[in-house]
N, C-alpha and C. Protein backbone atom coordinates (compact mmCIF):
# COMPACT_ATOMS: atom_id res chain seq x y z
N MET A 1 -100.23 101.75 -132.28
CA MET A 1 -100.80 100.44 -132.08
C MET A 1 -99.91 99.40 -132.73
N ARG A 2 -99.78 98.28 -132.05
CA ARG A 2 -99.01 97.16 -132.60
C ARG A 2 -99.91 95.92 -132.63
N VAL A 3 -99.62 95.03 -133.57
CA VAL A 3 -100.38 93.80 -133.72
C VAL A 3 -99.39 92.64 -133.80
N THR A 4 -99.66 91.59 -133.05
CA THR A 4 -98.85 90.39 -133.13
C THR A 4 -99.77 89.18 -133.29
N VAL A 5 -99.22 88.13 -133.88
CA VAL A 5 -99.96 86.88 -134.05
C VAL A 5 -99.17 85.77 -133.37
N ASP A 6 -99.82 85.04 -132.48
CA ASP A 6 -99.21 83.87 -131.85
C ASP A 6 -99.32 82.71 -132.84
N LYS A 7 -98.29 82.52 -133.63
CA LYS A 7 -98.33 81.52 -134.70
C LYS A 7 -98.50 80.11 -134.17
N SER A 8 -98.10 79.85 -132.94
CA SER A 8 -98.23 78.49 -132.40
C SER A 8 -99.69 78.09 -132.24
N GLY A 9 -100.58 79.06 -132.12
CA GLY A 9 -102.00 78.74 -131.98
C GLY A 9 -102.81 79.00 -133.23
N CYS A 10 -102.17 79.54 -134.26
CA CYS A 10 -102.87 79.87 -135.50
C CYS A 10 -103.33 78.59 -136.20
N ILE A 11 -104.59 78.57 -136.63
CA ILE A 11 -105.13 77.39 -137.33
C ILE A 11 -105.21 77.60 -138.84
N SER A 12 -104.62 78.68 -139.32
CA SER A 12 -104.52 78.96 -140.76
C SER A 12 -105.86 79.08 -141.46
N CYS A 13 -106.86 79.62 -140.77
CA CYS A 13 -108.18 79.74 -141.38
C CYS A 13 -108.24 80.87 -142.40
N GLY A 14 -107.37 81.87 -142.26
CA GLY A 14 -107.33 82.96 -143.21
C GLY A 14 -108.33 84.07 -142.99
N LEU A 15 -109.09 84.01 -141.91
CA LEU A 15 -110.10 85.03 -141.65
C LEU A 15 -109.47 86.41 -141.48
N CYS A 16 -108.34 86.48 -140.82
CA CYS A 16 -107.67 87.77 -140.63
C CYS A 16 -107.25 88.37 -141.98
N VAL A 17 -106.76 87.51 -142.87
CA VAL A 17 -106.33 87.98 -144.19
C VAL A 17 -107.53 88.49 -144.98
N SER A 18 -108.64 87.79 -144.92
CA SER A 18 -109.82 88.24 -145.66
C SER A 18 -110.46 89.46 -145.02
N THR A 19 -110.30 89.61 -143.70
CA THR A 19 -110.84 90.77 -142.99
C THR A 19 -109.99 92.01 -143.22
N CYS A 20 -108.69 91.85 -143.22
CA CYS A 20 -107.77 92.99 -143.31
C CYS A 20 -106.55 92.62 -144.16
N PRO A 21 -106.74 92.48 -145.48
CA PRO A 21 -105.64 92.03 -146.35
C PRO A 21 -104.48 93.02 -146.45
N GLU A 22 -104.71 94.27 -146.10
CA GLU A 22 -103.63 95.26 -146.13
C GLU A 22 -102.65 95.05 -144.98
N LEU A 23 -103.08 94.32 -143.96
CA LEU A 23 -102.27 94.16 -142.76
C LEU A 23 -101.79 92.73 -142.53
N PHE A 24 -102.60 91.74 -142.89
CA PHE A 24 -102.26 90.34 -142.60
C PHE A 24 -101.99 89.55 -143.88
N ALA A 25 -101.12 88.57 -143.75
CA ALA A 25 -100.81 87.64 -144.85
C ALA A 25 -100.48 86.29 -144.23
N MET A 26 -100.46 85.28 -145.07
CA MET A 26 -100.05 83.96 -144.63
C MET A 26 -98.57 83.81 -144.98
N ASP A 27 -97.78 83.30 -144.03
CA ASP A 27 -96.34 83.12 -144.27
C ASP A 27 -96.10 81.80 -145.01
N SER A 28 -94.85 81.44 -145.18
CA SER A 28 -94.50 80.24 -145.94
C SER A 28 -94.99 78.94 -145.29
N SER A 29 -95.25 79.00 -143.98
CA SER A 29 -95.77 77.82 -143.29
C SER A 29 -97.29 77.89 -143.14
N GLU A 30 -97.91 78.82 -143.89
CA GLU A 30 -99.36 79.00 -143.88
C GLU A 30 -99.91 79.44 -142.53
N LYS A 31 -99.10 80.16 -141.78
CA LYS A 31 -99.56 80.78 -140.53
C LYS A 31 -99.70 82.27 -140.78
N ALA A 32 -100.66 82.89 -140.10
CA ALA A 32 -100.89 84.32 -140.28
C ALA A 32 -99.76 85.13 -139.68
N GLU A 33 -99.49 86.27 -140.31
CA GLU A 33 -98.52 87.21 -139.76
C GLU A 33 -98.99 88.63 -140.06
N ALA A 34 -98.62 89.54 -139.16
CA ALA A 34 -98.90 90.95 -139.38
C ALA A 34 -97.74 91.51 -140.19
N MET A 35 -98.06 92.17 -141.28
CA MET A 35 -97.02 92.68 -142.17
C MET A 35 -96.55 94.07 -141.76
N LEU A 36 -97.34 94.79 -140.98
CA LEU A 36 -97.00 96.15 -140.56
C LEU A 36 -97.12 96.29 -139.06
N SER A 37 -96.10 96.78 -138.43
CA SER A 37 -96.16 97.10 -137.01
C SER A 37 -95.11 98.16 -136.75
N PRO A 38 -95.47 99.33 -136.33
CA PRO A 38 -96.81 99.70 -135.88
C PRO A 38 -97.82 99.76 -137.03
N VAL A 39 -99.08 99.66 -136.64
CA VAL A 39 -100.19 99.69 -137.59
C VAL A 39 -100.46 101.14 -137.98
N PRO A 40 -100.56 101.42 -139.27
CA PRO A 40 -100.91 102.78 -139.69
C PRO A 40 -102.31 103.14 -139.17
N PRO A 41 -102.52 104.39 -138.83
CA PRO A 41 -103.82 104.81 -138.28
C PRO A 41 -105.02 104.41 -139.14
N ASN A 42 -104.87 104.42 -140.44
CA ASN A 42 -106.01 104.08 -141.30
C ASN A 42 -106.36 102.59 -141.28
N LEU A 43 -105.52 101.76 -140.67
CA LEU A 43 -105.79 100.32 -140.58
C LEU A 43 -106.10 99.85 -139.16
N GLU A 44 -106.16 100.77 -138.21
CA GLU A 44 -106.39 100.37 -136.81
C GLU A 44 -107.74 99.69 -136.61
N GLU A 45 -108.80 100.23 -137.19
CA GLU A 45 -110.12 99.62 -137.03
C GLU A 45 -110.14 98.22 -137.65
N CYS A 46 -109.52 98.09 -138.80
CA CYS A 46 -109.42 96.82 -139.49
C CYS A 46 -108.66 95.79 -138.63
N ALA A 47 -107.58 96.22 -138.00
CA ALA A 47 -106.78 95.34 -137.15
C ALA A 47 -107.59 94.86 -135.96
N ARG A 48 -108.34 95.76 -135.35
CA ARG A 48 -109.19 95.37 -134.20
C ARG A 48 -110.25 94.37 -134.63
N LYS A 49 -110.86 94.59 -135.79
CA LYS A 49 -111.88 93.67 -136.27
C LYS A 49 -111.29 92.28 -136.51
N ALA A 50 -110.10 92.23 -137.10
CA ALA A 50 -109.45 90.93 -137.33
C ALA A 50 -109.17 90.23 -136.01
N ALA A 51 -108.70 90.96 -135.02
CA ALA A 51 -108.43 90.38 -133.70
C ALA A 51 -109.72 89.88 -133.06
N ASP A 52 -110.77 90.66 -133.16
CA ASP A 52 -112.05 90.28 -132.55
C ASP A 52 -112.69 89.07 -133.21
N THR A 53 -112.45 88.88 -134.50
CA THR A 53 -113.10 87.77 -135.21
C THR A 53 -112.24 86.51 -135.31
N CYS A 54 -110.98 86.59 -134.88
CA CYS A 54 -110.11 85.41 -134.94
C CYS A 54 -110.73 84.28 -134.10
N PRO A 55 -111.00 83.13 -134.71
CA PRO A 55 -111.67 82.05 -133.96
C PRO A 55 -110.85 81.44 -132.85
N VAL A 56 -109.53 81.63 -132.87
CA VAL A 56 -108.70 81.05 -131.82
C VAL A 56 -108.00 82.14 -130.99
N SER A 57 -108.37 83.39 -131.20
CA SER A 57 -107.90 84.53 -130.41
C SER A 57 -106.38 84.62 -130.30
N VAL A 58 -105.69 84.47 -131.43
CA VAL A 58 -104.23 84.54 -131.40
C VAL A 58 -103.67 85.89 -131.87
N ILE A 59 -104.56 86.81 -132.22
CA ILE A 59 -104.13 88.14 -132.65
C ILE A 59 -104.22 89.08 -131.46
N GLU A 60 -103.10 89.68 -131.11
CA GLU A 60 -103.06 90.62 -129.98
C GLU A 60 -102.83 92.03 -130.48
N VAL A 61 -103.68 92.92 -130.04
CA VAL A 61 -103.57 94.34 -130.37
C VAL A 61 -103.13 95.08 -129.11
N THR A 62 -102.07 95.84 -129.20
CA THR A 62 -101.62 96.64 -128.07
C THR A 62 -101.55 98.10 -128.51
N GLU A 63 -102.05 98.95 -127.65
CA GLU A 63 -102.08 100.40 -127.97
C GLU A 63 -100.74 101.03 -127.72
């Protein structure tokens, strides 16, 4: 599984970071980024939850 963030649409709310801090962080421009790709199996559920709860739907999960 891979996770990407469309930074151009990110509103910097931080929900992904609070939902899955092992996988997401805010970069120097305060936009979300995925720190691991591919996603380790133990973080796949967390990654899906972050994507599902993103208010602007900029997190893409691909199997």
